[in-house]
Amino acid sequence: MRALAIIALSSFWATISSTGATSSCSPYSTLREAIRSALQQSNPTFSTIFSPSKLEQESFVGPVEPVFRFVKFWTNVGPIVLHYKFTEVWFKVFNIDLSVRHESWEALHEKYAPASLQFILDLKGLFVKIGQVMSSRADFVPIQYVDSFNMLQDSVPSWESGRVKEIVRE
């Protein structure tokens, strides 16, 4: 193992020395290519083991993707949360009657349950799983949300079959 590490480091140093400092590539890409080349020289099967598949390249999440999902989440959920919180404060400040409170909460649930379902379908992934759990928990989730999210149990839009077969093959 130690010998393999020494060979890899010597190959790495030779590759870096041969590339020179006048390369038009960024230092990061030059270093990355030097490491890849050194590993391929020390282990010829490296390229077949560690080269990303077409599916992995397609599903690569760039560094800004989580930021976009965060912004999309809060631009959709933020107004809903604020409306619920504003209503709660309004009830407390003005000491609103319980029957009016109940009707107001029901109206909010009716208004935001379909919008929340559409939002979950847009963001996919973990959001669908959370929606599935919420659809099965009528003990603490409002019935409007349970009814709306119930379609997540068996009617989520599926992936195309070619992509699923490719994932299974890998």
C-alpha atoms as a PDB file:
ATOM      1  CA  MET A   1       0.000   0.000   0.000  1.00  0.00           C
ATOM      2  CA  ARG A   2       2.827   2.357   0.902  1.00  0.00           C
ATOM      3  CA  ALA A   3       4.574   1.560  -2.392  1.00  0.00           C
ATOM      4  CA  LEU A   4       1.396   2.329  -4.322  1.00  0.00           C
ATOM      5  CA  ALA A   5       1.112   5.677  -2.561  1.00  0.00           C
ATOM      6  CA  ILE A   6       4.742   6.531  -3.375  1.00  0.00           C
ATOM      7  CA  ILE A   7       4.223   5.589  -7.036  1.00  0.00           C
ATOM      8  CA  ALA A   8       1.045   7.637  -7.198  1.00  0.00           C
ATOM      9  CA  LEU A   9       2.732  10.672  -5.606  1.00  0.00           C
ATOM     10  CA  SER A  10       5.758  10.433  -7.882  1.00  0.00           C
ATOM     11  CA  SER A  11       3.484  10.141 -10.936  1.00  0.00           C
ATOM     12  CA  PHE A  12       1.453  13.046  -9.621  1.00  0.00           C
ATOM     13  CA  TRP A  13       4.570  15.195  -9.211  1.00  0.00           C
ATOM     14  CA  ALA A  14       5.827  14.247 -12.663  1.00  0.00           C
ATOM     15  CA  THR A  15       2.476  15.162 -14.201  1.00  0.00           C
ATOM     16  CA  ILE A  16       2.365  18.507 -12.406  1.00  0.00           C
ATOM     17  CA  SER A  17       5.947  19.276 -13.432  1.00  0.00           C
ATOM     18  CA  SER A  18       5.228  18.419 -17.060  1.00  0.00           C
ATOM     19  CA  THR A  19       2.105  20.619 -17.266  1.00  0.00           C
ATOM     20  CA  GLY A  20       4.014  23.781 -16.391  1.00  0.00           C
ATOM     21  CA  ALA A  21       2.705  26.973 -14.869  1.00  0.00           C
ATOM     22  CA  THR A  22       1.809  28.592 -18.191  1.00  0.00           C
ATOM     23  CA  SER A  23      -1.271  26.473 -18.754  1.00  0.00           C
ATOM     24  CA  SER A  24      -4.386  28.366 -19.817  1.00  0.00           C
ATOM     25  CA  CYS A  25      -6.539  26.193 -17.504  1.00  0.00           C
ATOM     26  CA  SER A  26      -7.380  27.161 -13.977  1.00  0.00           C
ATOM     27  CA  PRO A  27      -5.060  25.800 -11.269  1.00  0.00           C
ATOM     28  CA  TYR A  28      -7.917  23.711  -9.933  1.00  0.00           C
ATOM     29  CA  SER A  29      -8.589  21.928 -13.218  1.00  0.00           C
ATOM     30  CA  THR A  30      -4.854  21.412 -13.813  1.00  0.00           C
ATOM     31  CA  LEU A  31      -4.474  19.892 -10.365  1.00  0.00           C
ATOM     32  CA  ARG A  32      -7.577  17.756 -10.850  1.00  0.00           C
ATOM     33  CA  GLU A  33      -6.308  16.446 -14.186  1.00  0.00           C
ATOM     34  CA  ALA A  34      -2.879  15.811 -12.685  1.00  0.00           C
ATOM     35  CA  ILE A  35      -4.396  13.748  -9.863  1.00  0.00           C
ATOM     36  CA  ARG A  36      -6.584  11.832 -12.329  1.00  0.00           C
ATOM     37  CA  SER A  37      -3.599  11.132 -14.585  1.00  0.00           C
ATOM     38  CA  ALA A  38      -1.466   9.958 -11.671  1.00  0.00           C
ATOM     39  CA  LEU A  39      -4.196   7.631 -10.460  1.00  0.00           C
ATOM     40  CA  GLN A  40      -4.720   6.236 -13.949  1.00  0.00           C
ATOM     41  CA  GLN A  41      -0.980   5.556 -14.293  1.00  0.00           C
ATOM     42  CA  SER A  42      -0.861   3.755 -10.963  1.00  0.00           C
ATOM     43  CA  ASN A  43      -4.101   1.845 -11.570  1.00  0.00           C
ATOM     44  CA  PRO A  44      -5.230   1.362 -15.196  1.00  0.00           C
ATOM     45  CA  THR A  45      -8.764   0.375 -14.110  1.00  0.00           C
ATOM     46  CA  PHE A  46      -9.259   3.782 -12.455  1.00  0.00           C
ATOM     47  CA  SER A  47     -10.950   5.324 -15.482  1.00  0.00           C
ATOM     48  CA  THR A  48     -13.508   2.531 -15.717  1.00  0.00           C
ATOM     49  CA  ILE A  49     -14.200   2.523 -11.975  1.00  0.00           C
ATOM     50  CA  PHE A  50     -14.379   6.236 -11.237  1.00  0.00           C
ATOM     51  CA  SER A  51     -15.544   7.879 -14.437  1.00  0.00           C
ATOM     52  CA  PRO A  52     -19.088   9.157 -13.954  1.00  0.00           C
ATOM     53  CA  SER A  53     -21.829   7.535 -15.981  1.00  0.00           C
ATOM     54  CA  LYS A  54     -24.094   9.507 -18.295  1.00  0.00           C
ATOM     55  CA  LEU A  55     -26.850   9.355 -15.666  1.00  0.00           C
ATOM     56  CA  GLU A  56     -24.501  10.687 -12.964  1.00  0.00           C
ATOM     57  CA  GLN A  57     -23.428  13.516 -15.256  1.00  0.00           C
ATOM     58  CA  GLU A  58     -27.083  14.403 -15.983  1.00  0.00           C
ATOM     59  CA  SER A  59     -28.060  14.338 -12.318  1.00  0.00           C
ATOM     60  CA  PHE A  60     -25.068  16.385 -11.136  1.00  0.00           C
ATOM     61  CA  VAL A  61     -26.142  19.098  -8.711  1.00  0.00           C
ATOM     62  CA  GLY A  62     -24.133  22.255  -9.207  1.00  0.00           C
ATOM     63  CA  PRO A  63     -23.133  24.518  -6.343  1.00  0.00           C
ATOM     64  CA  VAL A  64     -25.996  26.960  -6.987  1.00  0.00           C
ATOM     65  CA  GLU A  65     -28.779  24.359  -7.249  1.00  0.00           C
ATOM     66  CA  PRO A  66     -29.376  24.173  -3.463  1.00  0.00           C
ATOM     67  CA  VAL A  67     -29.569  27.976  -3.365  1.00  0.00           C
ATOM     68  CA  PHE A  68     -32.205  27.984  -6.105  1.00  0.00           C
ATOM     69  CA  ARG A  69     -34.221  25.294  -4.298  1.00  0.00           C
ATOM     70  CA  PHE A  70     -33.954  27.263  -1.032  1.00  0.00           C
ATOM     71  CA  VAL A  71     -35.187  30.438  -2.715  1.00  0.00           C
ATOM     72  CA  LYS A  72     -37.974  28.569  -4.518  1.00  0.00           C
ATOM     73  CA  PHE A  73     -39.025  26.927  -1.248  1.00  0.00           C
ATOM     74  CA  TRP A  74     -39.251  30.176   0.721  1.00  0.00           C
ATOM     75  CA  THR A  75     -40.874  32.189  -2.078  1.00  0.00           C
ATOM     76  CA  ASN A  76     -43.652  29.578  -2.120  1.00  0.00           C
ATOM     77  CA  VAL A  77     -43.888  28.669   1.568  1.00  0.00           C
ATOM     78  CA  GLY A  78     -43.009  32.060   3.090  1.00  0.00           C
ATOM     79  CA  PRO A  79     -46.254  33.834   2.171  1.00  0.00           C
ATOM     80  CA  ILE A  80     -48.286  30.862   3.407  1.00  0.00           C
ATOM     81  CA  VAL A  81     -46.493  30.804   6.760  1.00  0.00           C
ATOM     82  CA  LEU A  82     -46.839  34.577   7.097  1.00  0.00           C
ATOM     83  CA  HIS A  83     -50.569  34.412   6.354  1.00  0.00           C
ATOM     84  CA  TYR A  84     -51.082  31.738   9.016  1.00  0.00           C
ATOM     85  CA  LYS A  85     -48.975  33.663  11.554  1.00  0.00           C
ATOM     86  CA  PHE A  86     -50.732  36.954  10.788  1.00  0.00           C
ATOM     87  CA  THR A  87     -54.109  35.250  11.275  1.00  0.00           C
ATOM     88  CA  GLU A  88     -52.965  33.765  14.590  1.00  0.00           C
ATOM     89  CA  VAL A  89     -51.806  37.178  15.866  1.00  0.00           C
ATOM     90  CA  TRP A  90     -54.982  38.825  14.615  1.00  0.00           C
ATOM     91  CA  PHE A  91     -57.070  36.294  16.580  1.00  0.00           C
ATOM     92  CA  LYS A  92     -55.110  36.944  19.772  1.00  0.00           C
ATOM     93  CA  VAL A  93     -54.997  40.732  19.529  1.00  0.00           C
ATOM     94  CA  PHE A  94     -58.670  41.214  18.713  1.00  0.00           C
ATOM     95  CA  ASN A  95     -59.947  38.298  20.797  1.00  0.00           C
ATOM     96  CA  ILE A  96     -61.932  36.832  17.914  1.00  0.00           C
ATOM     97  CA  ASP A  97     -64.808  34.413  18.625  1.00  0.00           C
ATOM     98  CA  LEU A  98     -63.994  30.698  18.392  1.00  0.00           C
ATOM     99  CA  SER A  99     -66.509  29.996  15.630  1.00  0.00           C
ATOM    100  CA  VAL A 100     -64.993  32.746  13.464  1.00  0.00           C
ATOM    101  CA  ARG A 101     -61.509  31.376  14.206  1.00  0.00           C
ATOM    102  CA  HIS A 102     -62.574  27.909  13.120  1.00  0.00           C
ATOM    103  CA  GLU A 103     -64.091  29.213   9.862  1.00  0.00           C
ATOM    104  CA  SER A 104     -60.979  31.300   9.162  1.00  0.00           C
ATOM    105  CA  TRP A 105     -58.633  28.353   9.719  1.00  0.00           C
ATOM    106  CA  GLU A 106     -60.789  26.165   7.466  1.00  0.00           C
ATOM    107  CA  ALA A 107     -60.708  28.810   4.731  1.00  0.00           C
ATOM    108  CA  LEU A 108     -56.916  29.073   4.971  1.00  0.00           C
ATOM    109  CA  HIS A 109     -56.541  25.301   4.786  1.00  0.00           C
ATOM    110  CA  GLU A 110     -58.838  25.157   1.744  1.00  0.00           C
ATOM    111  CA  LYS A 111     -56.870  27.935   0.065  1.00  0.00           C
ATOM    112  CA  TYR A 112     -53.345  26.630   0.676  1.00  0.00           C
ATOM    113  CA  ALA A 113     -53.679  22.824   0.497  1.00  0.00           C
ATOM    114  CA  PRO A 114     -53.839  22.643  -3.340  1.00  0.00           C
ATOM    115  CA  ALA A 115     -51.064  25.223  -3.683  1.00  0.00           C
ATOM    116  CA  SER A 116     -48.909  23.198  -1.280  1.00  0.00           C
ATOM    117  CA  LEU A 117     -49.543  20.034  -3.283  1.00  0.00           C
ATOM    118  CA  GLN A 118     -48.443  21.736  -6.495  1.00  0.00           C
ATOM    119  CA  PHE A 119     -45.360  23.078  -4.743  1.00  0.00           C
ATOM    120  CA  ILE A 120     -44.470  19.555  -3.519  1.00  0.00           C
ATOM    121  CA  LEU A 121     -44.864  18.157  -7.037  1.00  0.00           C
ATOM    122  CA  ASP A 122     -42.604  20.901  -8.423  1.00  0.00           C
ATOM    123  CA  LEU A 123     -39.766  20.280  -5.970  1.00  0.00           C
ATOM    124  CA  LYS A 124     -40.078  16.464  -5.994  1.00  0.00           C
ATOM    125  CA  GLY A 125     -37.793  14.186  -4.006  1.00  0.00           C
ATOM    126  CA  LEU A 126     -37.901  14.529  -0.242  1.00  0.00           C
ATOM    127  CA  PHE A 127     -40.829  16.928  -0.454  1.00  0.00           C
ATOM    128  CA  VAL A 128     -42.968  14.156  -1.986  1.00  0.00           C
ATOM    129  CA  LYS A 129     -41.973  11.811   0.835  1.00  0.00           C
ATOM    130  CA  ILE A 130     -42.884  14.415   3.459  1.00  0.00           C
ATOM    131  CA  GLY A 131     -46.221  14.962   1.706  1.00  0.00           C
ATOM    132  CA  GLN A 132     -46.866  11.208   1.731  1.00  0.00           C
ATOM    133  CA  VAL A 133     -46.251  11.073   5.474  1.00  0.00           C
ATOM    134  CA  MET A 134     -48.485  14.102   6.044  1.00  0.00           C
ATOM    135  CA  SER A 135     -51.271  12.480   4.011  1.00  0.00           C
ATOM    136  CA  SER A 136     -51.303   9.545   6.395  1.00  0.00           C
ATOM    137  CA  ARG A 137     -51.330  11.612   9.603  1.00  0.00           C
ATOM    138  CA  ALA A 138     -54.862  12.971   9.935  1.00  0.00           C
ATOM    139  CA  ASP A 139     -54.344  13.081  13.700  1.00  0.00           C
ATOM    140  CA  PHE A 140     -52.352  16.325  13.511  1.00  0.00           C
ATOM    141  CA  VAL A 141     -52.511  17.521   9.879  1.00  0.00           C
ATOM    142  CA  PRO A 142     -55.651  19.446   8.804  1.00  0.00           C
ATOM    143  CA  ILE A 143     -58.027  17.278   6.788  1.00  0.00           C
ATOM    144  CA  GLN A 144     -57.786  19.579   3.742  1.00  0.00           C
ATOM    145  CA  TYR A 145     -54.061  18.874   3.514  1.00  0.00           C
ATOM    146  CA  VAL A 146     -54.587  15.144   4.116  1.00  0.00           C
ATOM    147  CA  ASP A 147     -57.157  14.987   1.320  1.00  0.00           C
ATOM    148  CA  SER A 148     -54.997  17.018  -1.047  1.00  0.00           C
ATOM    149  CA  PHE A 149     -51.772  15.116  -0.298  1.00  0.00           C
ATOM    150  CA  ASN A 150     -53.515  11.739  -0.518  1.00  0.00           C
ATOM    151  CA  MET A 151     -52.818  11.640  -4.255  1.00  0.00           C
ATOM    152  CA  LEU A 152     -49.086  11.493  -3.407  1.00  0.00           C
ATOM    153  CA  GLN A 153     -49.587   7.917  -2.202  1.00  0.00           C
ATOM    154  CA  ASP A 154     -50.153   6.462  -5.661  1.00  0.00           C
ATOM    155  CA  SER A 155     -50.502   9.185  -8.293  1.00  0.00           C
ATOM    156  CA  VAL A 156     -47.140  10.957  -8.347  1.00  0.00           C
ATOM    157  CA  PRO A 157     -46.001  11.574 -11.941  1.00  0.00           C
ATOM    158  CA  SER A 158     -43.533   8.842 -12.823  1.00  0.00           C
ATOM    159  CA  TRP A 159     -40.145   9.035 -14.484  1.00  0.00           C
ATOM    160  CA  GLU A 160     -39.785   7.858 -18.054  1.00  0.00           C
ATOM    161  CA  SER A 161     -39.156   4.106 -18.207  1.00  0.00           C
ATOM    162  CA  GLY A 162     -35.840   4.445 -20.065  1.00  0.00           C
ATOM    163  CA  ARG A 163     -34.310   6.432 -17.250  1.00  0.00           C
ATOM    164  CA  VAL A 164     -35.551   3.958 -14.615  1.00  0.00           C
ATOM    165  CA  LYS A 165     -34.110   1.008 -16.581  1.00  0.00           C
ATOM    166  CA  GLU A 166     -30.759   2.816 -16.849  1.00  0.00           C
ATOM    167  CA  ILE A 167     -30.666   3.375 -13.085  1.00  0.00           C
ATOM    168  CA  VAL A 168     -31.486  -0.285 -12.417  1.00  0.00           C
ATOM    169  CA  ARG A 169     -28.789  -1.448 -14.852  1.00  0.00           C
ATOM    170  CA  GLU A 170     -26.154   0.571 -13.001  1.00  0.00           C
END
